[in-house]
Amino acid sequence: MADEKNPEQRFFEAVLKARQGNSSAAITLLTEAVQFGFDDFSRIENHPDLQNLRGKEGYPEIFATQKILQP
């Protein structure tokens, strides 16, 4: 049985959507991954399949939580 709130699952779904050219869905899934506890922001920034999301609406907001969590 899959964990519905697994952040890794959302991350990998986002990668798939980005590969398919669906930036909006990818950003939504990355946002959900962060909400469910995904905190490897460098992985988002450095993943080659997610590079095309930079500059898209909603992308900067994914990192808002990271700024709050930094000491």
N, C-alpha and C. Protein backbone atom coordinates (compact mmCIF):
# COMPACT_ATOMS: atom_id res chain seq x y z
N MET A 1 0.84 -1.18 0.00
CA MET A 1 0.00 0.00 0.00
C MET A 1 0.89 1.26 0.00
N ALA A 2 0.61 2.19 -0.85
CA ALA A 2 1.40 3.40 -0.97
C ALA A 2 0.99 4.43 0.08
N ASP A 3 1.97 5.18 0.54
CA ASP A 3 1.72 6.26 1.49
C ASP A 3 1.30 7.49 0.70
N GLU A 4 0.08 7.93 0.90
CA GLU A 4 -0.47 9.06 0.13
C GLU A 4 0.28 10.36 0.37
N LYS A 5 0.97 10.48 1.48
CA LYS A 5 1.67 11.72 1.81
C LYS A 5 3.19 11.56 1.71
N ASN A 6 3.63 10.64 0.88
CA ASN A 6 5.06 10.41 0.68
C ASN A 6 5.62 11.51 -0.22
N PRO A 7 6.54 12.34 0.30
CA PRO A 7 7.07 13.43 -0.51
C PRO A 7 7.90 12.96 -1.70
N GLU A 8 8.57 11.82 -1.56
CA GLU A 8 9.38 11.29 -2.67
C GLU A 8 8.50 10.95 -3.87
N GLN A 9 7.35 10.40 -3.60
CA GLN A 9 6.43 10.05 -4.68
C GLN A 9 6.03 11.31 -5.45
N ARG A 10 5.75 12.39 -4.74
CA ARG A 10 5.38 13.65 -5.39
C ARG A 10 6.56 14.20 -6.20
N PHE A 11 7.76 14.09 -5.62
CA PHE A 11 8.95 14.57 -6.32
C PHE A 11 9.12 13.84 -7.66
N PHE A 12 9.05 12.51 -7.63
CA PHE A 12 9.24 11.74 -8.86
C PHE A 12 8.11 11.96 -9.86
N GLU A 13 6.91 12.18 -9.37
CA GLU A 13 5.80 12.52 -10.28
C GLU A 13 6.07 13.87 -10.94
N ALA A 14 6.61 14.81 -10.18
CA ALA A 14 6.94 16.13 -10.72
C ALA A 14 7.99 16.01 -11.82
N VAL A 15 8.99 15.16 -11.60
CA VAL A 15 10.02 14.93 -12.62
C VAL A 15 9.36 14.39 -13.90
N LEU A 16 8.48 13.43 -13.73
CA LEU A 16 7.78 12.86 -14.89
C LEU A 16 6.97 13.92 -15.64
N LYS A 17 6.23 14.74 -14.89
CA LYS A 17 5.42 15.79 -15.54
C LYS A 17 6.31 16.80 -16.25
N ALA A 18 7.44 17.13 -15.65
CA ALA A 18 8.37 18.06 -16.29
C ALA A 18 8.91 17.47 -17.59
N ARG A 19 9.24 16.19 -17.56
CA ARG A 19 9.71 15.51 -18.79
C ARG A 19 8.65 15.53 -19.88
N GLN A 20 7.40 15.47 -19.47
CA GLN A 20 6.29 15.47 -20.43
C GLN A 20 5.94 16.89 -20.89
N GLY A 21 6.60 17.90 -20.31
CA GLY A 21 6.34 19.28 -20.70
C GLY A 21 5.19 19.93 -19.96
N ASN A 22 4.71 19.30 -18.90
CA ASN A 22 3.59 19.85 -18.13
C ASN A 22 4.15 20.57 -16.90
N SER A 23 4.64 21.78 -17.12
CA SER A 23 5.28 22.57 -16.07
C SER A 23 4.35 22.88 -14.91
N SER A 24 3.12 23.20 -15.23
CA SER A 24 2.16 23.56 -14.19
C SER A 24 1.93 22.40 -13.22
N ALA A 25 1.73 21.22 -13.75
CA ALA A 25 1.53 20.04 -12.89
C ALA A 25 2.80 19.72 -12.10
N ALA A 26 3.95 19.88 -12.72
CA ALA A 26 5.22 19.61 -12.04
C ALA A 26 5.41 20.54 -10.85
N ILE A 27 5.11 21.81 -11.02
CA ILE A 27 5.24 22.78 -9.94
C ILE A 27 4.25 22.47 -8.82
N THR A 28 3.05 22.11 -9.19
CA THR A 28 2.04 21.73 -8.18
C THR A 28 2.53 20.53 -7.37
N LEU A 29 3.07 19.53 -8.04
CA LEU A 29 3.56 18.34 -7.35
C LEU A 29 4.77 18.64 -6.47
N LEU A 30 5.66 19.52 -6.92
CA LEU A 30 6.80 19.90 -6.09
C LEU A 30 6.33 20.65 -4.85
N THR A 31 5.34 21.50 -5.02
CA THR A 31 4.77 22.23 -3.88
C THR A 31 4.18 21.25 -2.88
N GLU A 32 3.46 20.25 -3.36
CA GLU A 32 2.89 19.23 -2.47
C GLU A 32 4.00 18.44 -1.78
N ALA A 33 5.06 18.11 -2.51
CA ALA A 33 6.17 17.36 -1.92
C ALA A 33 6.76 18.14 -0.74
N VAL A 34 6.95 19.43 -0.91
CA VAL A 34 7.48 20.28 0.17
C VAL A 34 6.50 20.33 1.33
N GLN A 35 5.22 20.44 1.04
CA GLN A 35 4.21 20.46 2.10
C GLN A 35 4.20 19.16 2.89
N PHE A 36 4.57 18.05 2.24
CA PHE A 36 4.60 16.75 2.90
C PHE A 36 5.96 16.44 3.52
N GLY A 37 6.87 17.43 3.50
CA GLY A 37 8.14 17.25 4.20
C GLY A 37 9.39 17.15 3.35
N PHE A 38 9.27 17.25 2.04
CA PHE A 38 10.46 17.20 1.18
C PHE A 38 11.29 18.44 1.44
N ASP A 39 12.57 18.25 1.78
CA ASP A 39 13.39 19.42 2.12
C ASP A 39 14.75 19.41 1.43
N ASP A 40 14.90 18.60 0.39
CA ASP A 40 16.15 18.56 -0.37
C ASP A 40 16.04 19.53 -1.54
N PHE A 41 16.10 20.81 -1.21
CA PHE A 41 15.87 21.85 -2.21
C PHE A 41 16.97 21.88 -3.28
N SER A 42 18.18 21.50 -2.91
CA SER A 42 19.24 21.46 -3.91
C SER A 42 18.97 20.38 -4.95
N ARG A 43 18.28 19.34 -4.55
CA ARG A 43 17.90 18.28 -5.49
C ARG A 43 16.92 18.83 -6.53
N ILE A 44 16.00 19.67 -6.08
CA ILE A 44 15.07 20.30 -7.02
C ILE A 44 15.83 21.22 -7.97
N GLU A 45 16.69 22.04 -7.41
CA GLU A 45 17.43 23.01 -8.22
C GLU A 45 18.39 22.36 -9.21
N ASN A 46 18.95 21.22 -8.86
CA ASN A 46 19.98 20.61 -9.69
C ASN A 46 19.51 19.45 -10.56
N HIS A 47 18.27 19.03 -10.41
CA HIS A 47 17.79 17.91 -11.22
C HIS A 47 17.64 18.37 -12.67
N PRO A 48 18.29 17.68 -13.60
CA PRO A 48 18.27 18.14 -15.00
C PRO A 48 16.87 18.22 -15.61
N ASP A 49 15.97 17.36 -15.18
CA ASP A 49 14.62 17.38 -15.76
C ASP A 49 13.77 18.51 -15.21
N LEU A 50 14.22 19.16 -14.15
CA LEU A 50 13.44 20.24 -13.55
C LEU A 50 13.98 21.62 -13.91
N GLN A 51 15.04 21.68 -14.68
CA GLN A 51 15.65 22.95 -15.06
C GLN A 51 14.69 23.84 -15.86
N ASN A 52 13.82 23.23 -16.63
CA ASN A 52 12.89 24.02 -17.46
C ASN A 52 11.80 24.70 -16.63
N LEU A 53 11.74 24.39 -15.34
CA LEU A 53 10.71 25.02 -14.49
C LEU A 53 11.14 26.38 -13.97
N ARG A 54 12.42 26.64 -13.99
CA ARG A 54 12.91 27.93 -13.49
C ARG A 54 12.27 29.07 -14.28
N GLY A 55 11.85 30.06 -13.58
CA GLY A 55 11.21 31.20 -14.22
C GLY A 55 9.72 31.02 -14.46
N LYS A 56 9.21 29.84 -14.21
CA LYS A 56 7.77 29.61 -14.38
C LYS A 56 7.01 30.09 -13.15
N GLU A 57 5.79 30.45 -13.34
CA GLU A 57 4.94 30.91 -12.25
C GLU A 57 4.82 29.81 -11.20
N GLY A 58 5.05 30.16 -9.95
CA GLY A 58 4.94 29.22 -8.84
C GLY A 58 6.25 28.59 -8.43
N TYR A 59 7.26 28.63 -9.30
CA TYR A 59 8.54 27.99 -8.97
C TYR A 59 9.22 28.63 -7.76
N PRO A 60 9.34 29.95 -7.70
CA PRO A 60 10.02 30.55 -6.54
C PRO A 60 9.32 30.24 -5.21
N GLU A 61 8.02 30.09 -5.24
CA GLU A 61 7.27 29.83 -4.02
C GLU A 61 7.61 28.46 -3.41
N ILE A 62 8.09 27.55 -4.22
CA ILE A 62 8.49 26.23 -3.72
C ILE A 62 9.58 26.40 -2.66
N PHE A 63 10.41 27.40 -2.84
CA PHE A 63 11.57 27.59 -1.96
C PHE A 63 11.28 28.50 -0.77
N ALA A 64 10.08 29.00 -0.65
CA ALA A 64 9.72 29.88 0.46
C ALA A 64 9.91 29.18 1.80
N THR A 65 9.57 27.90 1.87
CA THR A 65 9.72 27.14 3.11
C THR A 65 11.20 27.01 3.47
N GLN A 66 12.04 26.83 2.49
CA GLN A 66 13.48 26.68 2.74
C GLN A 66 14.02 27.92 3.45
N LYS A 67 13.60 29.08 3.03
CA LYS A 67 14.09 30.32 3.63
C LYS A 67 13.62 30.44 5.09
N ILE A 68 12.46 29.93 5.38
CA ILE A 68 11.94 29.95 6.74
C ILE A 68 12.73 28.99 7.62
N LEU A 69 13.12 27.83 7.07
CA LEU A 69 13.80 26.80 7.84
C LEU A 69 15.28 27.10 8.07
N GLN A 70 15.89 27.94 7.27
CA GLN A 70 17.31 28.23 7.44
C GLN A 70 17.53 28.99 8.75
N PRO A 71 18.65 28.63 9.44
CA PRO A 71 18.93 29.32 10.72
C PRO A 71 19.32 30.77 10.54
